[in-house]
């Protein structure tokens, strides 16, 4: 009986917490002059990121434009979702839809639900 109670108490730690996310999560994130699409699926293997478009002459970024990259897993927290990609740690706040990249100190990105189209020129 004691073993059963111990297992019962430890089961939430093993199974992980359910924070109530509704998948899939499709986001457009505007990060300076770079626009990224994120698709976060319940199964991390089905999640991806895509560089939508940009206004930069950085060759490294240009090579990645319009290519889809798998997100190599993510971690849910009560306040957001975190993952590592392109040797950077990404943090998405579920309340503000702001994203930060921890490892290199880039500024915050503004994210929006869905995939935003960029057809109309603003200037």
PDB file of N, CA and C in Angstrom:
ATOM      1  N   UNK A   1       0.820  -1.197   0.000  1.00  0.00           N
ATOM      2  CA  UNK A   1       0.000   0.000   0.000  1.00  0.00           C
ATOM      3  C   UNK A   1       0.863   1.260   0.000  1.00  0.00           C
ATOM      4  N   UNK A   2       1.969   1.243   0.751  1.00  0.00           N
ATOM      5  CA  UNK A   2       2.860   2.397   0.806  1.00  0.00           C
ATOM      6  C   UNK A   2       3.475   2.662  -0.563  1.00  0.00           C
ATOM      7  N   UNK A   3       3.827   1.588  -1.284  1.00  0.00           N
ATOM      8  CA  UNK A   3       4.399   1.759  -2.618  1.00  0.00           C
ATOM      9  C   UNK A   3       3.377   2.376  -3.568  1.00  0.00           C
ATOM     10  N   UNK A   4       2.136   1.940  -3.443  1.00  0.00           N
ATOM     11  CA  UNK A   4       1.077   2.484  -4.293  1.00  0.00           C
ATOM     12  C   UNK A   4       0.892   3.979  -4.032  1.00  0.00           C
ATOM     13  N   UNK A   5       0.864   4.401  -2.783  1.00  0.00           N
ATOM     14  CA  UNK A   5       0.723   5.818  -2.435  1.00  0.00           C
ATOM     15  C   UNK A   5       1.902   6.631  -2.943  1.00  0.00           C
ATOM     16  N   UNK A   6       3.102   6.076  -2.836  1.00  0.00           N
ATOM     17  CA  UNK A   6       4.292   6.774  -3.335  1.00  0.00           C
ATOM     18  C   UNK A   6       4.202   6.959  -4.841  1.00  0.00           C
ATOM     19  N   UNK A   7       3.780   5.920  -5.560  1.00  0.00           N
ATOM     20  CA  UNK A   7       3.598   6.029  -7.007  1.00  0.00           C
ATOM     21  C   UNK A   7       2.530   7.048  -7.369  1.00  0.00           C
ATOM     22  N   UNK A   8       1.460   7.063  -6.628  1.00  0.00           N
ATOM     23  CA  UNK A   8       0.384   8.006  -6.870  1.00  0.00           C
ATOM     24  C   UNK A   8       0.858   9.446  -6.697  1.00  0.00           C
ATOM     25  N   UNK A   9       1.652   9.697  -5.696  1.00  0.00           N
ATOM     26  CA  UNK A   9       2.172  11.041  -5.447  1.00  0.00           C
ATOM     27  C   UNK A   9       3.200  11.467  -6.487  1.00  0.00           C
ATOM     28  N   UNK A  10       3.970  10.532  -7.019  1.00  0.00           N
ATOM     29  CA  UNK A  10       5.004  10.856  -7.995  1.00  0.00           C
ATOM     30  C   UNK A  10       4.485  10.906  -9.428  1.00  0.00           C
ATOM     31  N   UNK A  11       3.318  10.365  -9.704  1.00  0.00           N
ATOM     32  CA  UNK A  11       2.822  10.285 -11.075  1.00  0.00           C
ATOM     33  C   UNK A  11       2.705  11.636 -11.775  1.00  0.00           C
ATOM     34  N   UNK A  12       2.300  12.745 -11.131  1.00  0.00           N
ATOM     35  CA  UNK A  12       2.291  14.015 -11.851  1.00  0.00           C
ATOM     36  C   UNK A  12       3.682  14.453 -12.281  1.00  0.00           C
ATOM     37  N   UNK A  13       4.705  14.106 -11.533  1.00  0.00           N
ATOM     38  CA  UNK A  13       6.066  14.474 -11.912  1.00  0.00           C
ATOM     39  C   UNK A  13       6.530  13.695 -13.124  1.00  0.00           C
ATOM     40  N   UNK A  14       6.133  12.455 -13.214  1.00  0.00           N
ATOM     41  CA  UNK A  14       6.536  11.614 -14.326  1.00  0.00           C
ATOM     42  C   UNK A  14       5.769  11.980 -15.586  1.00  0.00           C
ATOM     43  N   UNK A  15       4.472  12.171 -15.459  1.00  0.00           N
ATOM     44  CA  UNK A  15       3.632  12.445 -16.621  1.00  0.00           C
ATOM     45  C   UNK A  15       3.772  13.876 -17.108  1.00  0.00           C
ATOM     46  N   UNK A  16       4.243  14.804 -16.287  1.00  0.00           N
ATOM     47  CA  UNK A  16       4.318  16.200 -16.674  1.00  0.00           C
ATOM     48  C   UNK A  16       2.991  16.883 -16.393  1.00  0.00           C
ATOM     49  N   UNK A  17       3.045  18.187 -16.269  1.00  0.00           N
ATOM     50  CA  UNK A  17       1.816  18.929 -15.987  1.00  0.00           C
ATOM     51  C   UNK A  17       1.097  19.280 -17.265  1.00  0.00           C
ATOM     52  N   UNK A  18      -0.200  19.394 -17.184  1.00  0.00           N
ATOM     53  CA  UNK A  18      -1.012  19.836 -18.303  1.00  0.00           C
ATOM     54  C   UNK A  18      -1.336  21.305 -18.078  1.00  0.00           C
ATOM     55  N   UNK A  19      -0.773  22.162 -18.928  1.00  0.00           N
ATOM     56  CA  UNK A  19      -0.973  23.602 -18.774  1.00  0.00           C
ATOM     57  C   UNK A  19      -2.123  24.124 -19.635  1.00  0.00           C
ATOM     58  N   UNK A  20      -2.833  23.240 -20.315  1.00  0.00           N
ATOM     59  CA  UNK A  20      -4.022  23.647 -21.057  1.00  0.00           C
ATOM     60  C   UNK A  20      -3.759  24.292 -22.409  1.00  0.00           C
ATOM     61  N   UNK A  21      -2.645  23.989 -23.041  1.00  0.00           N
ATOM     62  CA  UNK A  21      -2.379  24.526 -24.376  1.00  0.00           C
ATOM     63  C   UNK A  21      -3.271  23.830 -25.386  1.00  0.00           C
ATOM     64  N   UNK A  22      -3.727  24.571 -26.372  1.00  0.00           N
ATOM     65  CA  UNK A  22      -4.533  24.007 -27.454  1.00  0.00           C
ATOM     66  C   UNK A  22      -3.682  23.986 -28.714  1.00  0.00           C
ATOM     67  N   UNK A  23      -3.416  22.789 -29.195  1.00  0.00           N
ATOM     68  CA  UNK A  23      -2.566  22.615 -30.368  1.00  0.00           C
ATOM     69  C   UNK A  23      -3.399  22.343 -31.598  1.00  0.00           C
ATOM     70  N   UNK A  24      -2.906  22.654 -32.783  1.00  0.00           N
ATOM     71  CA  UNK A  24      -1.612  23.267 -33.046  1.00  0.00           C
ATOM     72  C   UNK A  24      -1.640  24.773 -32.775  1.00  0.00           C
ATOM     73  N   UNK A  25      -0.454  25.336 -32.541  1.00  0.00           N
ATOM     74  CA  UNK A  25      -0.295  26.774 -32.340  1.00  0.00           C
ATOM     75  C   UNK A  25       0.457  27.310 -33.552  1.00  0.00           C
ATOM     76  N   UNK A  26      -0.192  28.172 -34.323  1.00  0.00           N
ATOM     77  CA  UNK A  26       0.435  28.808 -35.480  1.00  0.00           C
ATOM     78  C   UNK A  26       0.653  30.278 -35.150  1.00  0.00           C
ATOM     79  N   UNK A  27       1.894  30.730 -35.313  1.00  0.00           N
ATOM     80  CA  UNK A  27       2.255  32.099 -34.956  1.00  0.00           C
ATOM     81  C   UNK A  27       3.090  32.750 -36.040  1.00  0.00           C
ATOM     82  N   UNK A  28       2.915  34.049 -36.196  1.00  0.00           N
ATOM     83  CA  UNK A  28       3.818  34.883 -36.967  1.00  0.00           C
ATOM     84  C   UNK A  28       4.532  35.758 -35.960  1.00  0.00           C
ATOM     85  N   UNK A  29       5.851  35.766 -36.001  1.00  0.00           N
ATOM     86  CA  UNK A  29       6.635  36.579 -35.071  1.00  0.00           C
ATOM     87  C   UNK A  29       7.480  37.568 -35.861  1.00  0.00           C
ATOM     88  N   UNK A  30       7.333  38.843 -35.532  1.00  0.00           N
ATOM     89  CA  UNK A  30       8.083  39.914 -36.177  1.00  0.00           C
ATOM     90  C   UNK A  30       9.237  40.285 -35.257  1.00  0.00           C
ATOM     91  N   UNK A  31      10.438  40.012 -35.735  1.00  0.00           N
ATOM     92  CA  UNK A  31      11.648  40.160 -34.943  1.00  0.00           C
ATOM     93  C   UNK A  31      12.558  41.121 -35.691  1.00  0.00           C
ATOM     94  N   UNK A  32      12.407  42.411 -35.400  1.00  0.00           N
ATOM     95  CA  UNK A  32      13.124  43.415 -36.175  1.00  0.00           C
ATOM     96  C   UNK A  32      12.602  43.391 -37.598  1.00  0.00           C
ATOM     97  N   UNK A  33      13.491  43.255 -38.578  1.00  0.00           N
ATOM     98  CA  UNK A  33      13.075  43.198 -39.980  1.00  0.00           C
ATOM     99  C   UNK A  33      12.875  41.770 -40.470  1.00  0.00           C
ATOM    100  N   UNK A  34      12.904  40.819 -39.558  1.00  0.00           N
ATOM    101  CA  UNK A  34      12.762  39.400 -39.899  1.00  0.00           C
ATOM    102  C   UNK A  34      11.396  38.903 -39.426  1.00  0.00           C
ATOM    103  N   UNK A  35      10.711  38.165 -40.290  1.00  0.00           N
ATOM    104  CA  UNK A  35       9.413  37.596 -39.955  1.00  0.00           C
ATOM    105  C   UNK A  35       9.513  36.077 -39.985  1.00  0.00           C
ATOM    106  N   UNK A  36       9.075  35.455 -38.892  1.00  0.00           N
ATOM    107  CA  UNK A  36       9.159  34.004 -38.751  1.00  0.00           C
ATOM    108  C   UNK A  36       7.773  33.415 -38.550  1.00  0.00           C
ATOM    109  N   UNK A  37       7.541  32.247 -39.155  1.00  0.00           N
ATOM    110  CA  UNK A  37       6.331  31.484 -38.906  1.00  0.00           C
ATOM    111  C   UNK A  37       6.699  30.297 -38.014  1.00  0.00           C
ATOM    112  N   UNK A  38       5.914  30.077 -36.962  1.00  0.00           N
ATOM    113  CA  UNK A  38       6.108  28.940 -36.073  1.00  0.00           C
ATOM    114  C   UNK A  38       4.849  28.098 -36.073  1.00  0.00           C
ATOM    115  N   UNK A  39       5.022  26.802 -36.229  1.00  0.00           N
ATOM    116  CA  UNK A  39       3.931  25.840 -36.103  1.00  0.00           C
ATOM    117  C   UNK A  39       4.330  24.902 -34.976  1.00  0.00           C
ATOM    118  N   UNK A  40       3.618  24.989 -33.846  1.00  0.00           N
ATOM    119  CA  UNK A  40       3.913  24.160 -32.678  1.00  0.00           C
ATOM    120  C   UNK A  40       2.785  23.147 -32.547  1.00  0.00           C
ATOM    121  N   UNK A  41       3.105  21.883 -32.785  1.00  0.00           N
ATOM    122  CA  UNK A  41       2.118  20.800 -32.743  1.00  0.00           C
ATOM    123  C   UNK A  41       2.217  20.071 -31.406  1.00  0.00           C
ATOM    124  N   UNK A  42       1.163  19.339 -31.085  1.00  0.00           N
ATOM    125  CA  UNK A  42       1.175  18.552 -29.847  1.00  0.00           C
ATOM    126  C   UNK A  42       2.337  17.568 -29.850  1.00  0.00           C
ATOM    127  N   UNK A  43       2.602  16.965 -30.999  1.00  0.00           N
ATOM    128  CA  UNK A  43       3.753  16.092 -31.167  1.00  0.00           C
ATOM    129  C   UNK A  43       4.936  16.968 -31.599  1.00  0.00           C
ATOM    130  N   UNK A  44       5.957  17.105 -30.755  1.00  0.00           N
ATOM    131  CA  UNK A  44       7.079  17.976 -31.094  1.00  0.00           C
ATOM    132  C   UNK A  44       7.738  17.656 -32.437  1.00  0.00           C
ATOM    133  N   UNK A  45       7.673  16.399 -32.888  1.00  0.00           N
ATOM    134  CA  UNK A  45       8.276  16.033 -34.175  1.00  0.00           C
ATOM    135  C   UNK A  45       7.562  16.679 -35.355  1.00  0.00           C
ATOM    136  N   UNK A  46       6.331  17.131 -35.164  1.00  0.00           N
ATOM    137  CA  UNK A  46       5.559  17.775 -36.229  1.00  0.00           C
ATOM    138  C   UNK A  46       5.643  19.299 -36.165  1.00  0.00           C
ATOM    139  N   UNK A  47       6.474  19.835 -35.287  1.00  0.00           N
ATOM    140  CA  UNK A  47       6.599  21.283 -35.120  1.00  0.00           C
ATOM    141  C   UNK A  47       7.710  21.821 -36.018  1.00  0.00           C
ATOM    142  N   UNK A  48       7.531  23.065 -36.498  1.00  0.00           N
ATOM    143  CA  UNK A  48       8.522  23.644 -37.403  1.00  0.00           C
ATOM    144  C   UNK A  48       8.558  25.167 -37.299  1.00  0.00           C
ATOM    145  N   UNK A  49       9.617  25.739 -37.883  1.00  0.00           N
ATOM    146  CA  UNK A  49       9.792  27.185 -37.997  1.00  0.00           C
ATOM    147  C   UNK A  49      10.194  27.479 -39.443  1.00  0.00           C
ATOM    148  N   UNK A  50       9.741  28.627 -39.939  1.00  0.00           N
ATOM    149  CA  UNK A  50      10.057  29.020 -41.311  1.00  0.00           C
ATOM    150  C   UNK A  50      10.338  30.516 -41.336  1.00  0.00           C
ATOM    151  N   UNK A  51      11.423  30.905 -41.976  1.00  0.00           N
ATOM    152  CA  UNK A  51      11.739  32.308 -42.174  1.00  0.00           C
ATOM    153  C   UNK A  51      10.865  32.808 -43.322  1.00  0.00           C
ATOM    154  N   UNK A  52       9.899  33.682 -43.001  1.00  0.00           N
ATOM    155  CA  UNK A  52       8.914  34.115 -43.993  1.00  0.00           C
ATOM    156  C   UNK A  52       9.515  35.111 -44.974  1.00  0.00           C
ATOM    157  N   UNK A  53      10.066  36.193 -44.472  1.00  0.00           N
ATOM    158  CA  UNK A  53      10.728  37.186 -45.312  1.00  0.00           C
ATOM    159  C   UNK A  53      11.527  38.113 -44.410  1.00  0.00           C
ATOM    160  N   UNK A  54      12.349  38.915 -45.018  1.00  0.00           N
ATOM    161  CA  UNK A  54      13.219  39.775 -44.234  1.00  0.00           C
ATOM    162  C   UNK A  54      13.644  40.978 -45.065  1.00  0.00           C
ATOM    163  N   UNK A  55      14.203  41.959 -44.406  1.00  0.00           N
ATOM    164  CA  UNK A  55      14.754  43.129 -45.072  1.00  0.00           C
ATOM    165  C   UNK A  55      16.185  43.299 -44.581  1.00  0.00           C
ATOM    166  N   UNK A  56      17.029  42.389 -45.003  1.00  0.00           N
ATOM    167  CA  UNK A  56      18.430  42.442 -44.600  1.00  0.00           C
ATOM    168  C   UNK A  56      19.273  41.843 -45.717  1.00  0.00           C
ATOM    169  N   UNK A  57      20.523  42.208 -45.757  1.00  0.00           N
ATOM    170  CA  UNK A  57      21.403  41.624 -46.774  1.00  0.00           C
ATOM    171  C   UNK A  57      22.355  40.608 -46.149  1.00  0.00           C
ATOM    172  N   UNK A  58      21.947  40.024 -45.038  1.00  0.00           N
ATOM    173  CA  UNK A  58      22.738  39.010 -44.353  1.00  0.00           C
ATOM    174  C   UNK A  58      22.628  37.692 -45.121  1.00  0.00           C
ATOM    175  N   UNK A  59      23.747  37.225 -45.703  1.00  0.00           N
ATOM    176  CA  UNK A  59      23.744  36.004 -46.515  1.00  0.00           C
ATOM    177  C   UNK A  59      23.287  34.778 -45.724  1.00  0.00           C
ATOM    178  N   UNK A  60      23.667  34.695 -44.461  1.00  0.00           N
ATOM    179  CA  UNK A  60      23.273  33.562 -43.625  1.00  0.00           C
ATOM    180  C   UNK A  60      21.758  33.485 -43.509  1.00  0.00           C
ATOM    181  N   UNK A  61      21.102  34.627 -43.359  1.00  0.00           N
ATOM    182  CA  UNK A  61      19.644  34.668 -43.262  1.00  0.00           C
ATOM    183  C   UNK A  61      19.021  34.381 -44.611  1.00  0.00           C
ATOM    184  N   UNK A  62      19.571  34.947 -45.686  1.00  0.00           N
ATOM    185  CA  UNK A  62      19.012  34.734 -47.029  1.00  0.00           C
ATOM    186  C   UNK A  62      18.978  33.251 -47.392  1.00  0.00           C
ATOM    187  N   UNK A  63      19.979  32.482 -46.983  1.00  0.00           N
ATOM    188  CA  UNK A  63      20.022  31.049 -47.291  1.00  0.00           C
ATOM    189  C   UNK A  63      18.876  30.293 -46.616  1.00  0.00           C
ATOM    190  N   UNK A  64      18.363  30.837 -45.534  1.00  0.00           N
ATOM    191  CA  UNK A  64      17.297  30.163 -44.769  1.00  0.00           C
ATOM    192  C   UNK A  64      15.893  30.591 -45.189  1.00  0.00           C
ATOM    193  N   UNK A  65      15.776  31.607 -46.029  1.00  0.00           N
ATOM    194  CA  UNK A  65      14.457  32.129 -46.370  1.00  0.00           C
ATOM    195  C   UNK A  65      13.623  31.087 -47.104  1.00  0.00           C
ATOM    196  N   UNK A  66      12.348  30.985 -46.708  1.00  0.00           N
ATOM    197  CA  UNK A  66      11.346  30.084 -47.288  1.00  0.00           C
ATOM    198  C   UNK A  66      11.672  28.604 -47.120  1.00  0.00           C
ATOM    199  N   UNK A  67      12.594  28.271 -46.219  1.00  0.00           N
ATOM    200  CA  UNK A  67      12.865  26.870 -45.903  1.00  0.00           C
ATOM    201  C   UNK A  67      12.200  26.560 -44.568  1.00  0.00           C
ATOM    202  N   UNK A  68      11.696  25.355 -44.449  1.00  0.00           N
ATOM    203  CA  UNK A  68      11.055  24.916 -43.217  1.00  0.00           C
ATOM    204  C   UNK A  68      12.049  24.079 -42.423  1.00  0.00           C
ATOM    205  N   UNK A  69      12.173  24.409 -41.125  1.00  0.00           N
ATOM    206  CA  UNK A  69      13.083  23.698 -40.235  1.00  0.00           C
ATOM    207  C   UNK A  69      12.290  23.083 -39.094  1.00  0.00           C
ATOM    208  N   UNK A  70      12.597  21.846 -38.770  1.00  0.00           N
ATOM    209  CA  UNK A  70      11.918  21.186 -37.648  1.00  0.00           C
ATOM    210  C   UNK A  70      12.364  21.805 -36.337  1.00  0.00           C
ATOM    211  N   UNK A  71      11.401  22.040 -35.445  1.00  0.00           N
ATOM    212  CA  UNK A  71      11.734  22.434 -34.078  1.00  0.00           C
ATOM    213  C   UNK A  71      12.056  21.148 -33.335  1.00  0.00           C
ATOM    214  N   UNK A  72      13.182  21.118 -32.707  1.00  0.00           N
ATOM    215  CA  UNK A  72      13.629  19.881 -32.072  1.00  0.00           C
ATOM    216  C   UNK A  72      13.112  19.775 -30.650  1.00  0.00           C
ATOM    217  N   UNK A  73      11.811  19.762 -30.513  1.00  0.00           N
ATOM    218  CA  UNK A  73      11.203  19.631 -29.189  1.00  0.00           C
ATOM    219  C   UNK A  73      11.013  20.972 -28.505  1.00  0.00           C
ATOM    220  N   UNK A  74      10.141  20.991 -27.558  1.00  0.00           N
ATOM    221  CA  UNK A  74       9.864  22.193 -26.788  1.00  0.00           C
ATOM    222  C   UNK A  74       9.441  21.773 -25.393  1.00  0.00           C
ATOM    223  N   UNK A  75       9.400  22.749 -24.516  1.00  0.00           N
ATOM    224  CA  UNK A  75       8.984  22.490 -23.146  1.00  0.00           C
ATOM    225  C   UNK A  75       7.881  23.474 -22.788  1.00  0.00           C
ATOM    226  N   UNK A  76       6.761  22.943 -22.343  1.00  0.00           N
ATOM    227  CA  UNK A  76       5.661  23.792 -21.870  1.00  0.00           C
ATOM    228  C   UNK A  76       5.935  24.215 -20.436  1.00  0.00           C
ATOM    229  N   UNK A  77       5.619  25.461 -20.125  1.00  0.00           N
ATOM    230  CA  UNK A  77       5.618  25.932 -18.747  1.00  0.00           C
ATOM    231  C   UNK A  77       4.270  26.593 -18.512  1.00  0.00           C
ATOM    232  N   UNK A  78       3.994  26.976 -17.285  1.00  0.00           N
ATOM    233  CA  UNK A  78       2.700  27.624 -17.027  1.00  0.00           C
ATOM    234  C   UNK A  78       2.616  28.992 -17.691  1.00  0.00           C
ATOM    235  N   UNK A  79       3.771  29.633 -17.962  1.00  0.00           N
ATOM    236  CA  UNK A  79       3.781  30.969 -18.548  1.00  0.00           C
ATOM    237  C   UNK A  79       4.141  31.008 -20.020  1.00  0.00           C
ATOM    238  N   UNK A  80       4.558  29.895 -20.588  1.00  0.00           N
ATOM    239  CA  UNK A  80       4.934  29.936 -21.994  1.00  0.00           C
ATOM    240  C   UNK A  80       5.540  28.641 -22.485  1.00  0.00           C
ATOM    241  N   UNK A  81       6.167  28.747 -23.640  1.00  0.00           N
ATOM    242  CA  UNK A  81       6.802  27.616 -24.291  1.00  0.00           C
ATOM    243  C   UNK A  81       8.259  27.990 -24.559  1.00  0.00           C
ATOM    244  N   UNK A  82       9.148  27.037 -24.336  1.00  0.00           N
ATOM    245  CA  UNK A  82      10.572  27.263 -24.579  1.00  0.00           C
ATOM    246  C   UNK A  82      11.083  26.171 -25.500  1.00  0.00           C
ATOM    247  N   UNK A  83      12.059  26.510 -26.360  1.00  0.00           N
ATOM    248  CA  UNK A  83      12.729  25.511 -27.173  1.00  0.00           C
ATOM    249  C   UNK A  83      14.086  26.034 -27.590  1.00  0.00           C
ATOM    250  N   UNK A  84      14.929  25.149 -28.103  1.00  0.00           N
ATOM    251  CA  UNK A  84      16.233  25.516 -28.637  1.00  0.00           C
ATOM    252  C   UNK A  84      16.217  25.275 -30.139  1.00  0.00           C
ATOM    253  N   UNK A  85      16.738  26.259 -30.880  1.00  0.00           N
ATOM    254  CA  UNK A  85      16.836  26.118 -32.330  1.00  0.00           C
ATOM    255  C   UNK A  85      17.911  27.075 -32.820  1.00  0.00           C
ATOM    256  N   UNK A  86      18.646  26.675 -33.846  1.00  0.00           N
ATOM    257  CA  UNK A  86      19.752  27.475 -34.395  1.00  0.00           C
ATOM    258  C   UNK A  86      20.700  27.905 -33.274  1.00  0.00           C
ATOM    259  N   UNK A  87      20.956  27.012 -32.339  1.00  0.00           N
ATOM    260  CA  UNK A  87      21.836  27.266 -31.191  1.00  0.00           C
ATOM    261  C   UNK A  87      21.388  28.455 -30.349  1.00  0.00           C
ATOM    262  N   UNK A  88      20.092  28.697 -30.332  1.00  0.00           N
ATOM    263  CA  UNK A  88      19.528  29.772 -29.526  1.00  0.00           C
ATOM    264  C   UNK A  88      18.389  29.220 -28.683  1.00  0.00           C
ATOM    265  N   UNK A  89      18.152  29.821 -27.540  1.00  0.00           N
ATOM    266  CA  UNK A  89      17.046  29.424 -26.674  1.00  0.00           C
ATOM    267  C   UNK A  89      15.918  30.446 -26.817  1.00  0.00           C
ATOM    268  N   UNK A  90      14.762  29.974 -27.255  1.00  0.00           N
ATOM    269  CA  UNK A  90      13.602  30.819 -27.546  1.00  0.00           C
ATOM    270  C   UNK A  90      12.591  30.689 -26.415  1.00  0.00           C
ATOM    271  N   UNK A  91      12.008  31.805 -25.996  1.00  0.00           N
ATOM    272  CA  UNK A  91      10.982  31.812 -24.948  1.00  0.00           C
ATOM    273  C   UNK A  91       9.773  32.592 -25.465  1.00  0.00           C
ATOM    274  N   UNK A  92       8.623  31.940 -25.512  1.00  0.00           N
ATOM    275  CA  UNK A  92       7.375  32.581 -25.929  1.00  0.00           C
ATOM    276  C   UNK A  92       6.481  32.730 -24.709  1.00  0.00           C
ATOM    277  N   UNK A  93       6.085  33.960 -24.411  1.00  0.00           N
ATOM    278  CA  UNK A  93       5.180  34.234 -23.288  1.00  0.00           C
ATOM    279  C   UNK A  93       3.753  34.017 -23.776  1.00  0.00           C
ATOM    280  N   UNK A  94       3.017  33.133 -23.135  1.00  0.00           N
ATOM    281  CA  UNK A  94       1.659  32.806 -23.590  1.00  0.00           C
ATOM    282  C   UNK A  94       0.654  33.902 -23.306  1.00  0.00           C
ATOM    283  N   UNK A  95       0.960  34.830 -22.420  1.00  0.00           N
ATOM    284  CA  UNK A  95       0.034  35.910 -22.087  1.00  0.00           C
ATOM    285  C   UNK A  95       0.213  37.131 -22.982  1.00  0.00           C
ATOM    286  N   UNK A  96       1.458  37.461 -23.310  1.00  0.00           N
ATOM    287  CA  UNK A  96       1.723  38.673 -24.096  1.00  0.00           C
ATOM    288  C   UNK A  96       2.033  38.375 -25.555  1.00  0.00           C
ATOM    289  N   UNK A  97       2.300  37.107 -25.883  1.00  0.00           N
ATOM    290  CA  UNK A  97       2.774  36.683 -27.207  1.00  0.00           C
ATOM    291  C   UNK A  97       4.053  37.416 -27.600  1.00  0.00           C
ATOM    292  N   UNK A  98       4.887  37.710 -26.619  1.00  0.00           N
ATOM    293  CA  UNK A  98       6.218  38.268 -26.867  1.00  0.00           C
ATOM    294  C   UNK A  98       7.205  37.107 -26.820  1.00  0.00           C
ATOM    295  N   UNK A  99       8.209  37.168 -27.692  1.00  0.00           N
ATOM    296  CA  UNK A  99       9.212  36.126 -27.731  1.00  0.00           C
ATOM    297  C   UNK A  99      10.586  36.749 -27.526  1.00  0.00           C
ATOM    298  N   UNK A 100      11.405  36.102 -26.723  1.00  0.00           N
ATOM    299  CA  UNK A 100      12.780  36.535 -26.554  1.00  0.00           C
ATOM    300  C   UNK A 100      13.710  35.384 -26.914  1.00  0.00           C
ATOM    301  N   UNK A 101      14.896  35.749 -27.327  1.00  0.00           N
ATOM    302  CA  UNK A 101      15.932  34.772 -27.621  1.00  0.00           C
ATOM    303  C   UNK A 101      17.002  34.973 -26.568  1.00  0.00           C
ATOM    304  N   UNK A 102      17.103  34.027 -25.645  1.00  0.00           N
ATOM    305  CA  UNK A 102      17.942  34.178 -24.463  1.00  0.00           C
ATOM    306  C   UNK A 102      19.437  34.156 -24.742  1.00  0.00           C
ATOM    307  N   UNK A 103      19.898  33.243 -25.561  1.00  0.00           N
ATOM    308  CA  UNK A 103      21.332  32.979 -25.622  1.00  0.00           C
ATOM    309  C   UNK A 103      22.151  34.073 -26.297  1.00  0.00           C
ATOM    310  N   UNK A 104      21.518  34.917 -27.115  1.00  0.00           N
ATOM    311  CA  UNK A 104      22.309  35.936 -27.798  1.00  0.00           C
ATOM    312  C   UNK A 104      21.816  37.354 -27.536  1.00  0.00           C
ATOM    313  N   UNK A 105      20.827  37.504 -26.694  1.00  0.00           N
ATOM    314  CA  UNK A 105      20.397  38.826 -26.270  1.00  0.00           C
ATOM    315  C   UNK A 105      19.706  39.664 -27.330  1.00  0.00           C
ATOM    316  N   UNK A 106      19.088  39.029 -28.322  1.00  0.00           N
ATOM    317  CA  UNK A 106      18.346  39.797 -29.317  1.00  0.00           C
ATOM    318  C   UNK A 106      17.103  40.403 -28.697  1.00  0.00           C
ATOM    319  N   UNK A 107      16.602  41.479 -29.272  1.00  0.00           N
ATOM    320  CA  UNK A 107      15.394  42.095 -28.708  1.00  0.00           C
ATOM    321  C   UNK A 107      14.186  41.179 -28.837  1.00  0.00           C
ATOM    322  N   UNK A 108      13.141  41.566 -28.157  1.00  0.00           N
ATOM    323  CA  UNK A 108      11.901  40.805 -28.139  1.00  0.00           C
ATOM    324  C   UNK A 108      11.204  40.872 -29.496  1.00  0.00           C
ATOM    325  N   UNK A 109      10.574  39.765 -29.869  1.00  0.00           N
ATOM    326  CA  UNK A 109       9.753  39.714 -31.081  1.00  0.00           C
ATOM    327  C   UNK A 109       8.291  39.837 -30.670  1.00  0.00           C
ATOM    328  N   UNK A 110       7.494  40.455 -31.524  1.00  0.00           N
ATOM    329  CA  UNK A 110       6.041  40.515 -31.345  1.00  0.00           C
ATOM    330  C   UNK A 110       5.433  39.397 -32.161  1.00  0.00           C
ATOM    331  N   UNK A 111       4.601  38.576 -31.522  1.00  0.00           N
ATOM    332  CA  UNK A 111       3.991  37.438 -32.207  1.00  0.00           C
ATOM    333  C   UNK A 111       2.479  37.619 -32.289  1.00  0.00           C
ATOM    334  N   UNK A 112       1.902  37.036 -33.328  1.00  0.00           N
ATOM    335  CA  UNK A 112       0.471  37.104 -33.585  1.00  0.00           C
ATOM    336  C   UNK A 112      -0.033  35.710 -33.903  1.00  0.00           C
ATOM    337  N   UNK A 113      -1.255  35.412 -33.506  1.00  0.00           N
ATOM    338  CA  UNK A 113      -1.857  34.117 -33.842  1.00  0.00           C
ATOM    339  C   UNK A 113      -2.073  34.033 -35.346  1.00  0.00           C
ATOM    340  N   UNK A 114      -1.786  32.876 -35.904  1.00  0.00           N
ATOM    341  CA  UNK A 114      -1.978  32.639 -37.326  1.00  0.00           C
ATOM    342  C   UNK A 114      -0.768  33.065 -38.142  1.00  0.00           C
ATOM    343  N   UNK A 115      -0.841  32.800 -39.441  1.00  0.00           N
ATOM    344  CA  UNK A 115       0.228  33.165 -40.348  1.00  0.00           C
ATOM    345  C   UNK A 115      -0.163  34.449 -41.077  1.00  0.00           C
ATOM    346  N   UNK A 116       0.522  35.512 -40.761  1.00  0.00           N
ATOM    347  CA  UNK A 116       0.244  36.831 -41.311  1.00  0.00           C
ATOM    348  C   UNK A 116       0.830  36.919 -42.721  1.00  0.00           C
ATOM    349  N   UNK A 117       0.062  37.486 -43.634  1.00  0.00           N
ATOM    350  CA  UNK A 117       0.519  37.684 -45.009  1.00  0.00           C
ATOM    351  C   UNK A 117       1.168  39.066 -45.122  1.00  0.00           C
ATOM    352  N   UNK A 118       2.240  39.135 -45.883  1.00  0.00           N
ATOM    353  CA  UNK A 118       2.947  40.398 -46.096  1.00  0.00           C
ATOM    354  C   UNK A 118       2.923  40.704 -47.582  1.00  0.00           C
ATOM    355  N   UNK A 119       1.791  41.223 -48.067  1.00  0.00           N
ATOM    356  CA  UNK A 119       1.638  41.526 -49.491  1.00  0.00           C
ATOM    357  C   UNK A 119       1.619  43.027 -49.760  1.00  0.00           C
ATOM    358  N   UNK A 120       1.095  43.792 -48.808  1.00  0.00           N
ATOM    359  CA  UNK A 120       0.924  45.222 -49.017  1.00  0.00           C
ATOM    360  C   UNK A 120       2.136  45.977 -48.473  1.00  0.00           C
ATOM    361  N   UNK A 121       2.749  46.793 -49.328  1.00  0.00           N
ATOM    362  CA  UNK A 121       3.899  47.591 -48.920  1.00  0.00           C
ATOM    363  C   UNK A 121       3.438  48.704 -47.999  1.00  0.00           C
ATOM    364  N   UNK A 122       4.209  48.961 -46.975  1.00  0.00           N
ATOM    365  CA  UNK A 122       3.856  49.989 -45.984  1.00  0.00           C
ATOM    366  C   UNK A 122       4.487  51.340 -46.316  1.00  0.00           C
ATOM    367  N   UNK A 123       5.546  51.349 -47.095  1.00  0.00           N
ATOM    368  CA  UNK A 123       6.166  52.630 -47.494  1.00  0.00           C
ATOM    369  C   UNK A 123       6.498  52.613 -48.964  1.00  0.00           C
TER     370      UNK A 123
END
